[in-house]
Amino acid sequence: MILDKENMFSNEQTLSAAAVSTNVVDLGVAGDAYVAPWLVVNIAAALTGTLGFELQTSDTENFTATTVLASVAAAARSGTGRVAAMRIPKGAKRYLRVEYKGTVSAGKVTSFLAQDI
């Protein structure tokens, strides 16, 4: 799998509480792709607590009005590895970000868009 820096939400982002991704992905325009890319969320360093996330979209980069495209409920996670790999649902606006949810008190997470997994 080839990763593109412009499609990275987080690269080993340290979590000590619920947080939004370090980066926002700018799709350039609103709309759905003919073949939707994959959202991949990985635990890069073991977590303490629970972790879930939402894929959010907005017309503005500062996310003043946010729409949730997909979510994964917070659950206990152990070790490292993939939390989720899912196609981006229809309804994307220009900007995307990931909001990490749960009771995380330690750990690192990496999330990105990819054409294939």
PDB file of N, CA and C in Angstrom:
ATOM      1  N   MET A   1       0.848  -1.172   0.000  1.00  0.00           N
ATOM      2  CA  MET A   1       0.000   0.000   0.000  1.00  0.00           C
ATOM      3  C   MET A   1       0.895   1.237   0.000  1.00  0.00           C
ATOM      4  N   ILE A   2       0.586   2.185  -0.858  1.00  0.00           N
ATOM      5  CA  ILE A   2       1.326   3.439  -0.936  1.00  0.00           C
ATOM      6  C   ILE A   2       0.525   4.506  -0.195  1.00  0.00           C
ATOM      7  N   LEU A   3       1.193   5.187   0.749  1.00  0.00           N
ATOM      8  CA  LEU A   3       0.534   6.242   1.520  1.00  0.00           C
ATOM      9  C   LEU A   3       0.901   7.604   0.958  1.00  0.00           C
ATOM     10  N   ASP A   4      -0.069   8.503   0.942  1.00  0.00           N
ATOM     11  CA  ASP A   4       0.103   9.861   0.456  1.00  0.00           C
ATOM     12  C   ASP A   4      -0.039  10.803   1.645  1.00  0.00           C
ATOM     13  N   LYS A   5       0.963  11.621   1.892  1.00  0.00           N
ATOM     14  CA  LYS A   5       0.944  12.536   3.044  1.00  0.00           C
ATOM     15  C   LYS A   5      -0.299  13.429   3.048  1.00  0.00           C
ATOM     16  N   GLU A   6      -0.770  13.804   1.875  1.00  0.00           N
ATOM     17  CA  GLU A   6      -1.950  14.671   1.778  1.00  0.00           C
ATOM     18  C   GLU A   6      -3.236  13.959   2.195  1.00  0.00           C
ATOM     19  N   ASN A   7      -3.195  12.630   2.283  1.00  0.00           N
ATOM     20  CA  ASN A   7      -4.371  11.854   2.671  1.00  0.00           C
ATOM     21  C   ASN A   7      -4.240  11.239   4.062  1.00  0.00           C
ATOM     22  N   MET A   8      -3.322  11.779   4.869  1.00  0.00           N
ATOM     23  CA  MET A   8      -3.112  11.299   6.237  1.00  0.00           C
ATOM     24  C   MET A   8      -3.891  12.185   7.212  1.00  0.00           C
ATOM     25  N   PHE A   9      -4.721  11.560   8.024  1.00  0.00           N
ATOM     26  CA  PHE A   9      -5.400  12.291   9.097  1.00  0.00           C
ATOM     27  C   PHE A   9      -4.485  12.392  10.314  1.00  0.00           C
ATOM     28  N   SER A  10      -3.847  11.292  10.666  1.00  0.00           N
ATOM     29  CA  SER A  10      -2.955  11.219  11.833  1.00  0.00           C
ATOM     30  C   SER A  10      -1.811  10.279  11.513  1.00  0.00           C
ATOM     31  N   ASN A  11      -0.612  10.651  11.957  1.00  0.00           N
ATOM     32  CA  ASN A  11       0.545   9.783  11.797  1.00  0.00           C
ATOM     33  C   ASN A  11       1.150   9.565  13.174  1.00  0.00           C
ATOM     34  N   GLU A  12       0.794   8.455  13.795  1.00  0.00           N
ATOM     35  CA  GLU A  12       1.208   8.132  15.161  1.00  0.00           C
ATOM     36  C   GLU A  12       0.870   9.283  16.119  1.00  0.00           C
ATOM     37  N   GLN A  13      -0.353   9.797  15.974  1.00  0.00           N
ATOM     38  CA  GLN A  13      -0.831  10.870  16.846  1.00  0.00           C
ATOM     39  C   GLN A  13      -1.019  10.328  18.256  1.00  0.00           C
ATOM     40  N   THR A  14      -0.401  10.997  19.230  1.00  0.00           N
ATOM     41  CA  THR A  14      -0.532  10.604  20.624  1.00  0.00           C
ATOM     42  C   THR A  14      -1.898  11.020  21.137  1.00  0.00           C
ATOM     43  N   LEU A  15      -2.596  10.073  21.747  1.00  0.00           N
ATOM     44  CA  LEU A  15      -3.902  10.358  22.334  1.00  0.00           C
ATOM     45  C   LEU A  15      -3.805  10.252  23.845  1.00  0.00           C
ATOM     46  N   SER A  16      -4.334  11.255  24.536  1.00  0.00           N
ATOM     47  CA  SER A  16      -4.430  11.186  25.991  1.00  0.00           C
ATOM     48  C   SER A  16      -5.857  11.491  26.422  1.00  0.00           C
ATOM     49  N   ALA A  17      -6.716  11.715  25.454  1.00  0.00           N
ATOM     50  CA  ALA A  17      -8.148  11.971  25.666  1.00  0.00           C
ATOM     51  C   ALA A  17      -8.798  11.950  24.285  1.00  0.00           C
ATOM     52  N   ALA A  18     -10.111  12.116  24.249  1.00  0.00           N
ATOM     53  CA  ALA A  18     -10.793  12.238  22.964  1.00  0.00           C
ATOM     54  C   ALA A  18     -10.201  13.448  22.228  1.00  0.00           C
ATOM     55  N   ALA A  19     -10.056  13.342  20.900  1.00  0.00           N
ATOM     56  CA  ALA A  19      -9.418  14.416  20.135  1.00  0.00           C
ATOM     57  C   ALA A  19      -9.778  14.293  18.665  1.00  0.00           C
ATOM     58  N   VAL A  20      -9.553  15.375  17.920  1.00  0.00           N
ATOM     59  CA  VAL A  20      -9.699  15.325  16.467  1.00  0.00           C
ATOM     60  C   VAL A  20      -8.335  15.041  15.850  1.00  0.00           C
ATOM     61  N   SER A  21      -8.352  14.548  14.634  1.00  0.00           N
ATOM     62  CA  SER A  21      -7.104  14.217  13.943  1.00  0.00           C
ATOM     63  C   SER A  21      -6.230  15.452  13.770  1.00  0.00           C
ATOM     64  N   THR A  22      -4.929  15.210  13.721  1.00  0.00           N
ATOM     65  CA  THR A  22      -3.957  16.282  13.547  1.00  0.00           C
ATOM     66  C   THR A  22      -4.187  17.021  12.237  1.00  0.00           C
ATOM     67  N   ASN A  23      -4.553  16.295  11.197  1.00  0.00           N
ATOM     68  CA  ASN A  23      -4.701  16.861   9.856  1.00  0.00           C
ATOM     69  C   ASN A  23      -6.131  16.754   9.342  1.00  0.00           C
ATOM     70  N   VAL A  24      -6.458  17.661   8.448  1.00  0.00           N
ATOM     71  CA  VAL A  24      -7.718  17.664   7.717  1.00  0.00           C
ATOM     72  C   VAL A  24      -7.386  17.344   6.272  1.00  0.00           C
ATOM     73  N   VAL A  25      -8.161  16.468   5.648  1.00  0.00           N
ATOM     74  CA  VAL A  25      -7.950  16.135   4.234  1.00  0.00           C
ATOM     75  C   VAL A  25      -8.868  17.006   3.386  1.00  0.00           C
ATOM     76  N   ASP A  26      -8.268  17.720   2.434  1.00  0.00           N
ATOM     77  CA  ASP A  26      -9.002  18.583   1.511  1.00  0.00           C
ATOM     78  C   ASP A  26      -9.208  17.799   0.215  1.00  0.00           C
ATOM     79  N   LEU A  27     -10.459  17.471  -0.084  1.00  0.00           N
ATOM     80  CA  LEU A  27     -10.775  16.723  -1.298  1.00  0.00           C
ATOM     81  C   LEU A  27     -10.778  17.601  -2.542  1.00  0.00           C
ATOM     82  N   GLY A  28     -10.703  18.918  -2.358  1.00  0.00           N
ATOM     83  CA  GLY A  28     -10.709  19.851  -3.479  1.00  0.00           C
ATOM     84  C   GLY A  28     -12.100  20.330  -3.830  1.00  0.00           C
ATOM     85  N   VAL A  29     -13.046  19.411  -3.895  1.00  0.00           N
ATOM     86  CA  VAL A  29     -14.454  19.734  -4.158  1.00  0.00           C
ATOM     87  C   VAL A  29     -15.319  18.739  -3.402  1.00  0.00           C
ATOM     88  N   ALA A  30     -16.560  19.111  -3.187  1.00  0.00           N
ATOM     89  CA  ALA A  30     -17.515  18.185  -2.576  1.00  0.00           C
ATOM     90  C   ALA A  30     -17.958  17.176  -3.617  1.00  0.00           C
ATOM     91  N   GLY A  31     -18.340  15.998  -3.161  1.00  0.00           N
ATOM     92  CA  GLY A  31     -18.875  15.002  -4.083  1.00  0.00           C
ATOM     93  C   GLY A  31     -18.345  13.618  -3.807  1.00  0.00           C
ATOM     94  N   ASP A  32     -18.971  12.675  -4.442  1.00  0.00           N
ATOM     95  CA  ASP A  32     -18.625  11.278  -4.231  1.00  0.00           C
ATOM     96  C   ASP A  32     -17.708  10.779  -5.341  1.00  0.00           C
ATOM     97  N   ALA A  33     -16.722   9.979  -4.964  1.00  0.00           N
ATOM     98  CA  ALA A  33     -15.802   9.395  -5.931  1.00  0.00           C
ATOM     99  C   ALA A  33     -16.487   8.236  -6.645  1.00  0.00           C
ATOM    100  N   TYR A  34     -16.072   7.988  -7.868  1.00  0.00           N
ATOM    101  CA  TYR A  34     -16.608   6.849  -8.614  1.00  0.00           C
ATOM    102  C   TYR A  34     -16.280   5.559  -7.868  1.00  0.00           C
ATOM    103  N   VAL A  35     -15.040   5.439  -7.434  1.00  0.00           N
ATOM    104  CA  VAL A  35     -14.626   4.332  -6.561  1.00  0.00           C
ATOM    105  C   VAL A  35     -14.123   4.976  -5.276  1.00  0.00           C
ATOM    106  N   ALA A  36     -14.883   4.826  -4.223  1.00  0.00           N
ATOM    107  CA  ALA A  36     -14.567   5.497  -2.959  1.00  0.00           C
ATOM    108  C   ALA A  36     -13.265   4.965  -2.364  1.00  0.00           C
ATOM    109  N   PRO A  37     -12.426   5.873  -1.832  1.00  0.00           N
ATOM    110  CA  PRO A  37     -11.215   5.418  -1.160  1.00  0.00           C
ATOM    111  C   PRO A  37     -11.553   4.747   0.179  1.00  0.00           C
ATOM    112  N   TRP A  38     -10.567   4.079   0.745  1.00  0.00           N
ATOM    113  CA  TRP A  38     -10.706   3.418   2.037  1.00  0.00           C
ATOM    114  C   TRP A  38     -10.247   4.347   3.147  1.00  0.00           C
ATOM    115  N   LEU A  39     -10.967   4.367   4.242  1.00  0.00           N
ATOM    116  CA  LEU A  39     -10.504   4.985   5.476  1.00  0.00           C
ATOM    117  C   LEU A  39      -9.901   3.858   6.301  1.00  0.00           C
ATOM    118  N   VAL A  40      -8.646   4.016   6.703  1.00  0.00           N
ATOM    119  CA  VAL A  40      -7.967   3.017   7.521  1.00  0.00           C
ATOM    120  C   VAL A  40      -7.561   3.673   8.837  1.00  0.00           C
ATOM    121  N   VAL A  41      -7.884   3.023   9.941  1.00  0.00           N
ATOM    122  CA  VAL A  41      -7.510   3.497  11.273  1.00  0.00           C
ATOM    123  C   VAL A  41      -6.731   2.376  11.947  1.00  0.00           C
ATOM    124  N   ASN A  42      -5.498   2.688  12.356  1.00  0.00           N
ATOM    125  CA  ASN A  42      -4.617   1.716  13.004  1.00  0.00           C
ATOM    126  C   ASN A  42      -4.155   2.225  14.361  1.00  0.00           C
ATOM    127  N   ILE A  43      -4.006   1.317  15.316  1.00  0.00           N
ATOM    128  CA  ILE A  43      -3.372   1.650  16.589  1.00  0.00           C
ATOM    129  C   ILE A  43      -1.878   1.446  16.383  1.00  0.00           C
ATOM    130  N   ALA A  44      -1.108   2.526  16.576  1.00  0.00           N
ATOM    131  CA  ALA A  44       0.332   2.481  16.344  1.00  0.00           C
ATOM    132  C   ALA A  44       1.109   2.157  17.615  1.00  0.00           C
ATOM    133  N   ALA A  45       0.558   2.494  18.775  1.00  0.00           N
ATOM    134  CA  ALA A  45       1.168   2.156  20.069  1.00  0.00           C
ATOM    135  C   ALA A  45       0.031   1.810  21.013  1.00  0.00           C
ATOM    136  N   ALA A  46       0.218   0.778  21.808  1.00  0.00           N
ATOM    137  CA  ALA A  46      -0.837   0.230  22.659  1.00  0.00           C
ATOM    138  C   ALA A  46      -1.609   1.313  23.414  1.00  0.00           C
ATOM    139  N   LEU A  47      -2.928   1.151  23.434  1.00  0.00           N
ATOM    140  CA  LEU A  47      -3.820   2.112  24.076  1.00  0.00           C
ATOM    141  C   LEU A  47      -4.153   1.691  25.493  1.00  0.00           C
ATOM    142  N   THR A  48      -4.450   2.700  26.298  1.00  0.00           N
ATOM    143  CA  THR A  48      -5.040   2.476  27.608  1.00  0.00           C
ATOM    144  C   THR A  48      -6.428   3.087  27.540  1.00  0.00           C
ATOM    145  N   GLY A  49      -7.458   2.305  27.765  1.00  0.00           N
ATOM    146  CA  GLY A  49      -8.835   2.795  27.706  1.00  0.00           C
ATOM    147  C   GLY A  49      -9.582   2.229  26.519  1.00  0.00           C
ATOM    148  N   THR A  50     -10.564   2.986  26.055  1.00  0.00           N
ATOM    149  CA  THR A  50     -11.376   2.568  24.916  1.00  0.00           C
ATOM    150  C   THR A  50     -11.185   3.550  23.765  1.00  0.00           C
ATOM    151  N   LEU A  51     -11.404   3.065  22.553  1.00  0.00           N
ATOM    152  CA  LEU A  51     -11.242   3.918  21.377  1.00  0.00           C
ATOM    153  C   LEU A  51     -12.349   3.635  20.374  1.00  0.00           C
ATOM    154  N   GLY A  52     -12.944   4.686  19.864  1.00  0.00           N
ATOM    155  CA  GLY A  52     -13.877   4.660  18.759  1.00  0.00           C
ATOM    156  C   GLY A  52     -13.575   5.886  17.918  1.00  0.00           C
ATOM    157  N   PHE A  53     -14.299   6.090  16.840  1.00  0.00           N
ATOM    158  CA  PHE A  53     -14.040   7.282  16.031  1.00  0.00           C
ATOM    159  C   PHE A  53     -15.242   7.623  15.163  1.00  0.00           C
ATOM    160  N   GLU A  54     -15.231   8.851  14.670  1.00  0.00           N
ATOM    161  CA  GLU A  54     -16.197   9.325  13.679  1.00  0.00           C
ATOM    162  C   GLU A  54     -15.425   9.886  12.500  1.00  0.00           C
ATOM    163  N   LEU A  55     -15.871   9.607  11.291  1.00  0.00           N
ATOM    164  CA  LEU A  55     -15.376  10.278  10.097  1.00  0.00           C
ATOM    165  C   LEU A  55     -16.325  11.440   9.864  1.00  0.00           C
ATOM    166  N   GLN A  56     -15.787  12.655   9.901  1.00  0.00           N
ATOM    167  CA  GLN A  56     -16.609  13.854   9.777  1.00  0.00           C
ATOM    168  C   GLN A  56     -16.282  14.587   8.490  1.00  0.00           C
ATOM    169  N   THR A  57     -17.272  15.306   7.971  1.00  0.00           N
ATOM    170  CA  THR A  57     -17.083  16.095   6.757  1.00  0.00           C
ATOM    171  C   THR A  57     -17.691  17.476   6.958  1.00  0.00           C
ATOM    172  N   SER A  58     -17.173  18.451   6.198  1.00  0.00           N
ATOM    173  CA  SER A  58     -17.653  19.823   6.328  1.00  0.00           C
ATOM    174  C   SER A  58     -17.354  20.587   5.038  1.00  0.00           C
ATOM    175  N   ASP A  59     -18.092  21.675   4.837  1.00  0.00           N
ATOM    176  CA  ASP A  59     -17.828  22.576   3.714  1.00  0.00           C
ATOM    177  C   ASP A  59     -16.670  23.517   4.022  1.00  0.00           C
ATOM    178  N   THR A  60     -16.339  23.665   5.315  1.00  0.00           N
ATOM    179  CA  THR A  60     -15.286  24.588   5.728  1.00  0.00           C
ATOM    180  C   THR A  60     -14.176  23.847   6.463  1.00  0.00           C
ATOM    181  N   GLU A  61     -12.951  24.324   6.302  1.00  0.00           N
ATOM    182  CA  GLU A  61     -11.791  23.662   6.885  1.00  0.00           C
ATOM    183  C   GLU A  61     -11.797  23.694   8.413  1.00  0.00           C
ATOM    184  N   ASN A  62     -12.476  24.687   8.991  1.00  0.00           N
ATOM    185  CA  ASN A  62     -12.530  24.770  10.463  1.00  0.00           C
ATOM    186  C   ASN A  62     -13.714  23.992  11.049  1.00  0.00           C
ATOM    187  N   PHE A  63     -14.455  23.301  10.231  1.00  0.00           N
ATOM    188  CA  PHE A  63     -15.546  22.409  10.651  1.00  0.00           C
ATOM    189  C   PHE A  63     -16.573  23.113  11.545  1.00  0.00           C
ATOM    190  N   THR A  64     -17.009  24.308  11.121  1.00  0.00           N
ATOM    191  CA  THR A  64     -18.041  25.018  11.882  1.00  0.00           C
ATOM    192  C   THR A  64     -19.375  24.284  11.818  1.00  0.00           C
ATOM    193  N   ALA A  65     -19.658  23.620  10.714  1.00  0.00           N
ATOM    194  CA  ALA A  65     -20.852  22.773  10.588  1.00  0.00           C
ATOM    195  C   ALA A  65     -20.363  21.398  10.146  1.00  0.00           C
ATOM    196  N   THR A  66     -20.588  20.400  10.980  1.00  0.00           N
ATOM    197  CA  THR A  66     -20.023  19.070  10.760  1.00  0.00           C
ATOM    198  C   THR A  66     -21.111  18.043  10.496  1.00  0.00           C
ATOM    199  N   THR A  67     -20.854  17.153   9.554  1.00  0.00           N
ATOM    200  CA  THR A  67     -21.715  16.010   9.277  1.00  0.00           C
ATOM    201  C   THR A  67     -20.903  14.744   9.528  1.00  0.00           C
ATOM    202  N   VAL A  68     -21.494  13.786  10.218  1.00  0.00           N
ATOM    203  CA  VAL A  68     -20.821  12.509  10.472  1.00  0.00           C
ATOM    204  C   VAL A  68     -21.146  11.557   9.320  1.00  0.00           C
ATOM    205  N   LEU A  69     -20.105  11.066   8.638  1.00  0.00           N
ATOM    206  CA  LEU A  69     -20.283  10.123   7.532  1.00  0.00           C
ATOM    207  C   LEU A  69     -20.290   8.681   8.015  1.00  0.00           C
ATOM    208  N   ALA A  70     -19.493   8.390   9.025  1.00  0.00           N
ATOM    209  CA  ALA A  70     -19.384   7.018   9.544  1.00  0.00           C
ATOM    210  C   ALA A  70     -18.878   7.076  10.972  1.00  0.00           C
ATOM    211  N   SER A  71     -19.206   6.049  11.735  1.00  0.00           N
ATOM    212  CA  SER A  71     -18.691   5.988  13.105  1.00  0.00           C
ATOM    213  C   SER A  71     -18.472   4.542  13.529  1.00  0.00           C
ATOM    214  N   VAL A  72     -17.537   4.377  14.436  1.00  0.00           N
ATOM    215  CA  VAL A  72     -17.254   3.093  15.067  1.00  0.00           C
ATOM    216  C   VAL A  72     -17.309   3.348  16.568  1.00  0.00           C
ATOM    217  N   ALA A  73     -18.135   2.585  17.270  1.00  0.00           N
ATOM    218  CA  ALA A  73     -18.336   2.783  18.706  1.00  0.00           C
ATOM    219  C   ALA A  73     -17.048   2.513  19.476  1.00  0.00           C
ATOM    220  N   ALA A  74     -16.879   3.248  20.572  1.00  0.00           N
ATOM    221  CA  ALA A  74     -15.725   3.051  21.444  1.00  0.00           C
ATOM    222  C   ALA A  74     -15.779   1.658  22.059  1.00  0.00           C
ATOM    223  N   ALA A  75     -14.631   1.005  22.071  1.00  0.00           N
ATOM    224  CA  ALA A  75     -14.511  -0.340  22.653  1.00  0.00           C
ATOM    225  C   ALA A  75     -13.093  -0.509  23.160  1.00  0.00           C
ATOM    226  N   ALA A  76     -12.909  -1.435  24.071  1.00  0.00           N
ATOM    227  CA  ALA A  76     -11.570  -1.737  24.575  1.00  0.00           C
ATOM    228  C   ALA A  76     -10.726  -2.277  23.425  1.00  0.00           C
ATOM    229  N   ARG A  77      -9.544  -1.780  23.280  1.00  0.00           N
ATOM    230  CA  ARG A  77      -8.632  -2.216  22.222  1.00  0.00           C
ATOM    231  C   ARG A  77      -7.334  -2.663  22.877  1.00  0.00           C
ATOM    232  N   SER A  78      -6.753  -3.728  22.398  1.00  0.00           N
ATOM    233  CA  SER A  78      -5.495  -4.181  22.975  1.00  0.00           C
ATOM    234  C   SER A  78      -4.461  -4.357  21.876  1.00  0.00           C
ATOM    235  N   GLY A  79      -3.218  -4.176  22.234  1.00  0.00           N
ATOM    236  CA  GLY A  79      -2.142  -4.334  21.276  1.00  0.00           C
ATOM    237  C   GLY A  79      -2.149  -3.250  20.218  1.00  0.00           C
ATOM    238  N   THR A  80      -1.569  -3.565  19.086  1.00  0.00           N
ATOM    239  CA  THR A  80      -1.533  -2.638  17.964  1.00  0.00           C
ATOM    240  C   THR A  80      -2.215  -3.294  16.775  1.00  0.00           C
ATOM    241  N   GLY A  81      -2.454  -2.525  15.741  1.00  0.00           N
ATOM    242  CA  GLY A  81      -3.050  -3.082  14.532  1.00  0.00           C
ATOM    243  C   GLY A  81      -4.279  -2.322  14.096  1.00  0.00           C
ATOM    244  N   ARG A  82      -4.953  -2.870  13.110  1.00  0.00           N
ATOM    245  CA  ARG A  82      -6.081  -2.209  12.470  1.00  0.00           C
ATOM    246  C   ARG A  82      -7.319  -2.191  13.355  1.00  0.00           C
ATOM    247  N   VAL A  83      -7.910  -1.013  13.476  1.00  0.00           N
ATOM    248  CA  VAL A  83      -9.192  -0.847  14.167  1.00  0.00           C
ATOM    249  C   VAL A  83     -10.316  -0.952  13.143  1.00  0.00           C
ATOM    250  N   ALA A  84     -10.108  -0.337  11.981  1.00  0.00           N
ATOM    251  CA  ALA A  84     -11.149  -0.342  10.956  1.00  0.00           C
ATOM    252  C   ALA A  84     -10.554  -0.073   9.583  1.00  0.00           C
ATOM    253  N   ALA A  85     -11.222  -0.596   8.572  1.00  0.00           N
ATOM    254  CA  ALA A  85     -10.947  -0.293   7.171  1.00  0.00           C
ATOM    255  C   ALA A  85     -12.304  -0.297   6.493  1.00  0.00           C
ATOM    256  N   MET A  86     -12.721   0.875   6.010  1.00  0.00           N
ATOM    257  CA  MET A  86     -14.044   0.992   5.400  1.00  0.00           C
ATOM    258  C   MET A  86     -14.005   1.974   4.242  1.00  0.00           C
ATOM    259  N   ARG A  87     -14.864   1.748   3.276  1.00  0.00           N
ATOM    260  CA  ARG A  87     -15.001   2.693   2.161  1.00  0.00           C
ATOM    261  C   ARG A  87     -15.643   3.979   2.679  1.00  0.00           C
ATOM    262  N   ILE A  88     -15.226   5.102   2.105  1.00  0.00           N
ATOM    263  CA  ILE A  88     -15.830   6.386   2.462  1.00  0.00           C
ATOM    264  C   ILE A  88     -17.268   6.381   1.960  1.00  0.00           C
ATOM    265  N   PRO A  89     -18.242   6.606   2.849  1.00  0.00           N
ATOM    266  CA  PRO A  89     -19.641   6.618   2.414  1.00  0.00           C
ATOM    267  C   PRO A  89     -19.957   7.813   1.511  1.00  0.00           C
ATOM    268  N   LYS A  90     -21.036   7.721   0.801  1.00  0.00           N
ATOM    269  CA  LYS A  90     -21.504   8.845  -0.028  1.00  0.00           C
ATOM    270  C   LYS A  90     -21.870  10.023   0.864  1.00  0.00           C
ATOM    271  N   GLY A  91     -21.744  11.211   0.320  1.00  0.00           N
ATOM    272  CA  GLY A  91     -22.132  12.418   1.035  1.00  0.00           C
ATOM    273  C   GLY A  91     -20.969  13.286   1.481  1.00  0.00           C
ATOM    274  N   ALA A  92     -19.764  13.002   0.995  1.00  0.00           N
ATOM    275  CA  ALA A  92     -18.594  13.774   1.404  1.00  0.00           C
ATOM    276  C   ALA A  92     -18.685  15.207   0.890  1.00  0.00           C
ATOM    277  N   LYS A  93     -18.333  16.118   1.785  1.00  0.00           N
ATOM    278  CA  LYS A  93     -18.190  17.518   1.408  1.00  0.00           C
ATOM    279  C   LYS A  93     -16.710  17.745   1.114  1.00  0.00           C
ATOM    280  N   ARG A  94     -16.260  18.974   1.035  1.00  0.00           N
ATOM    281  CA  ARG A  94     -14.883  19.237   0.615  1.00  0.00           C
ATOM    282  C   ARG A  94     -13.837  18.735   1.622  1.00  0.00           C
ATOM    283  N   TYR A  95     -14.108  18.850   2.917  1.00  0.00           N
ATOM    284  CA  TYR A  95     -13.107  18.532   3.936  1.00  0.00           C
ATOM    285  C   TYR A  95     -13.517  17.312   4.761  1.00  0.00           C
ATOM    286  N   LEU A  96     -12.511  16.512   5.140  1.00  0.00           N
ATOM    287  CA  LEU A  96     -12.724  15.338   5.989  1.00  0.00           C
ATOM    288  C   LEU A  96     -11.763  15.389   7.174  1.00  0.00           C
ATOM    289  N   ARG A  97     -12.197  14.861   8.314  1.00  0.00           N
ATOM    290  CA  ARG A  97     -11.324  14.665   9.464  1.00  0.00           C
ATOM    291  C   ARG A  97     -11.848  13.486  10.270  1.00  0.00           C
ATOM    292  N   VAL A  98     -11.031  13.001  11.182  1.00  0.00           N
ATOM    293  CA  VAL A  98     -11.421  11.918  12.077  1.00  0.00           C
ATOM    294  C   VAL A  98     -11.445  12.467  13.494  1.00  0.00           C
ATOM    295  N   GLU A  99     -12.510  12.160  14.218  1.00  0.00           N
ATOM    296  CA  GLU A  99     -12.563  12.510  15.639  1.00  0.00           C
ATOM    297  C   GLU A  99     -12.504  11.209  16.423  1.00  0.00           C
ATOM    298  N   TYR A 100     -11.481  11.101  17.274  1.00  0.00           N
ATOM    299  CA  TYR A 100     -11.302   9.912  18.098  1.00  0.00           C
ATOM    300  C   TYR A 100     -12.123  10.073  19.365  1.00  0.00           C
ATOM    301  N   LYS A 101     -12.874   9.034  19.705  1.00  0.00           N
ATOM    302  CA  LYS A 101     -13.787   9.059  20.845  1.00  0.00           C
ATOM    303  C   LYS A 101     -13.405   7.975  21.833  1.00  0.00           C
ATOM    304  N   GLY A 102     -13.913   8.093  23.041  1.00  0.00           N
ATOM    305  CA  GLY A 102     -13.700   7.069  24.045  1.00  0.00           C
ATOM    306  C   GLY A 102     -13.007   7.622  25.267  1.00  0.00           C
ATOM    307  N   THR A 103     -12.428   6.723  26.031  1.00  0.00           N
ATOM    308  CA  THR A 103     -11.766   7.100  27.284  1.00  0.00           C
ATOM    309  C   THR A 103     -10.271   6.836  27.200  1.00  0.00           C
ATOM    310  N   VAL A 104      -9.672   7.200  26.100  1.00  0.00           N
ATOM    311  CA  VAL A 104      -8.251   6.956  25.885  1.00  0.00           C
ATOM    312  C   VAL A 104      -7.433   7.790  26.856  1.00  0.00           C
ATOM    313  N   SER A 105      -6.483   7.138  27.543  1.00  0.00           N
ATOM    314  CA  SER A 105      -5.592   7.887  28.420  1.00  0.00           C
ATOM    315  C   SER A 105      -4.137   7.754  27.973  1.00  0.00           C
ATOM    316  N   ALA A 106      -3.865   6.871  27.022  1.00  0.00           N
ATOM    317  CA  ALA A 106      -2.522   6.732  26.450  1.00  0.00           C
ATOM    318  C   ALA A 106      -2.620   5.918  25.174  1.00  0.00           C
ATOM    319  N   GLY A 107      -1.726   6.203  24.237  1.00  0.00           N
ATOM    320  CA  GLY A 107      -1.683   5.439  22.993  1.00  0.00           C
ATOM    321  C   GLY A 107      -1.427   6.333  21.801  1.00  0.00           C
ATOM    322  N   LYS A 108      -1.171   5.690  20.656  1.00  0.00           N
ATOM    323  CA  LYS A 108      -0.949   6.423  19.409  1.00  0.00           C
ATOM    324  C   LYS A 108      -1.795   5.799  18.318  1.00  0.00           C
ATOM    325  N   VAL A 109      -2.264   6.652  17.411  1.00  0.00           N
ATOM    326  CA  VAL A 109      -3.125   6.183  16.330  1.00  0.00           C
ATOM    327  C   VAL A 109      -2.676   6.801  15.007  1.00  0.00           C
ATOM    328  N   THR A 110      -2.828   6.015  13.939  1.00  0.00           N
ATOM    329  CA  THR A 110      -2.543   6.463  12.582  1.00  0.00           C
ATOM    330  C   THR A 110      -3.796   6.222  11.752  1.00  0.00           C
ATOM    331  N   SER A 111      -4.202   7.229  10.980  1.00  0.00           N
ATOM    332  CA  SER A 111      -5.370   7.063  10.110  1.00  0.00           C
ATOM    333  C   SER A 111      -5.136   7.790   8.800  1.00  0.00           C
ATOM    334  N   PHE A 112      -5.690   7.231   7.724  1.00  0.00           N
ATOM    335  CA  PHE A 112      -5.422   7.775   6.402  1.00  0.00           C
ATOM    336  C   PHE A 112      -6.446   7.261   5.406  1.00  0.00           C
ATOM    337  N   LEU A 113      -6.429   7.866   4.205  1.00  0.00           N
ATOM    338  CA  LEU A 113      -7.206   7.393   3.067  1.00  0.00           C
ATOM    339  C   LEU A 113      -6.273   6.644   2.132  1.00  0.00           C
ATOM    340  N   ALA A 114      -6.775   5.563   1.542  1.00  0.00           N
ATOM    341  CA  ALA A 114      -5.977   4.786   0.597  1.00  0.00           C
ATOM    342  C   ALA A 114      -6.892   4.252  -0.510  1.00  0.00           C
ATOM    343  N   GLN A 115      -6.335   4.080  -1.696  1.00  0.00           N
ATOM    344  CA  GLN A 115      -7.106   3.521  -2.805  1.00  0.00           C
ATOM    345  C   GLN A 115      -7.335   2.030  -2.626  1.00  0.00           C
ATOM    346  N   ASP A 116      -6.367   1.330  -2.056  1.00  0.00           N
ATOM    347  CA  ASP A 116      -6.475  -0.106  -1.841  1.00  0.00           C
ATOM    348  C   ASP A 116      -5.933  -0.441  -0.455  1.00  0.00           C
ATOM    349  N   ILE A 117      -6.396  -1.567   0.079  1.00  0.00           N
ATOM    350  CA  ILE A 117      -5.836  -2.026   1.354  1.00  0.00           C
ATOM    351  C   ILE A 117      -5.348  -3.454   1.213  1.00  0.00           C
TER     352      ILE A 117
END
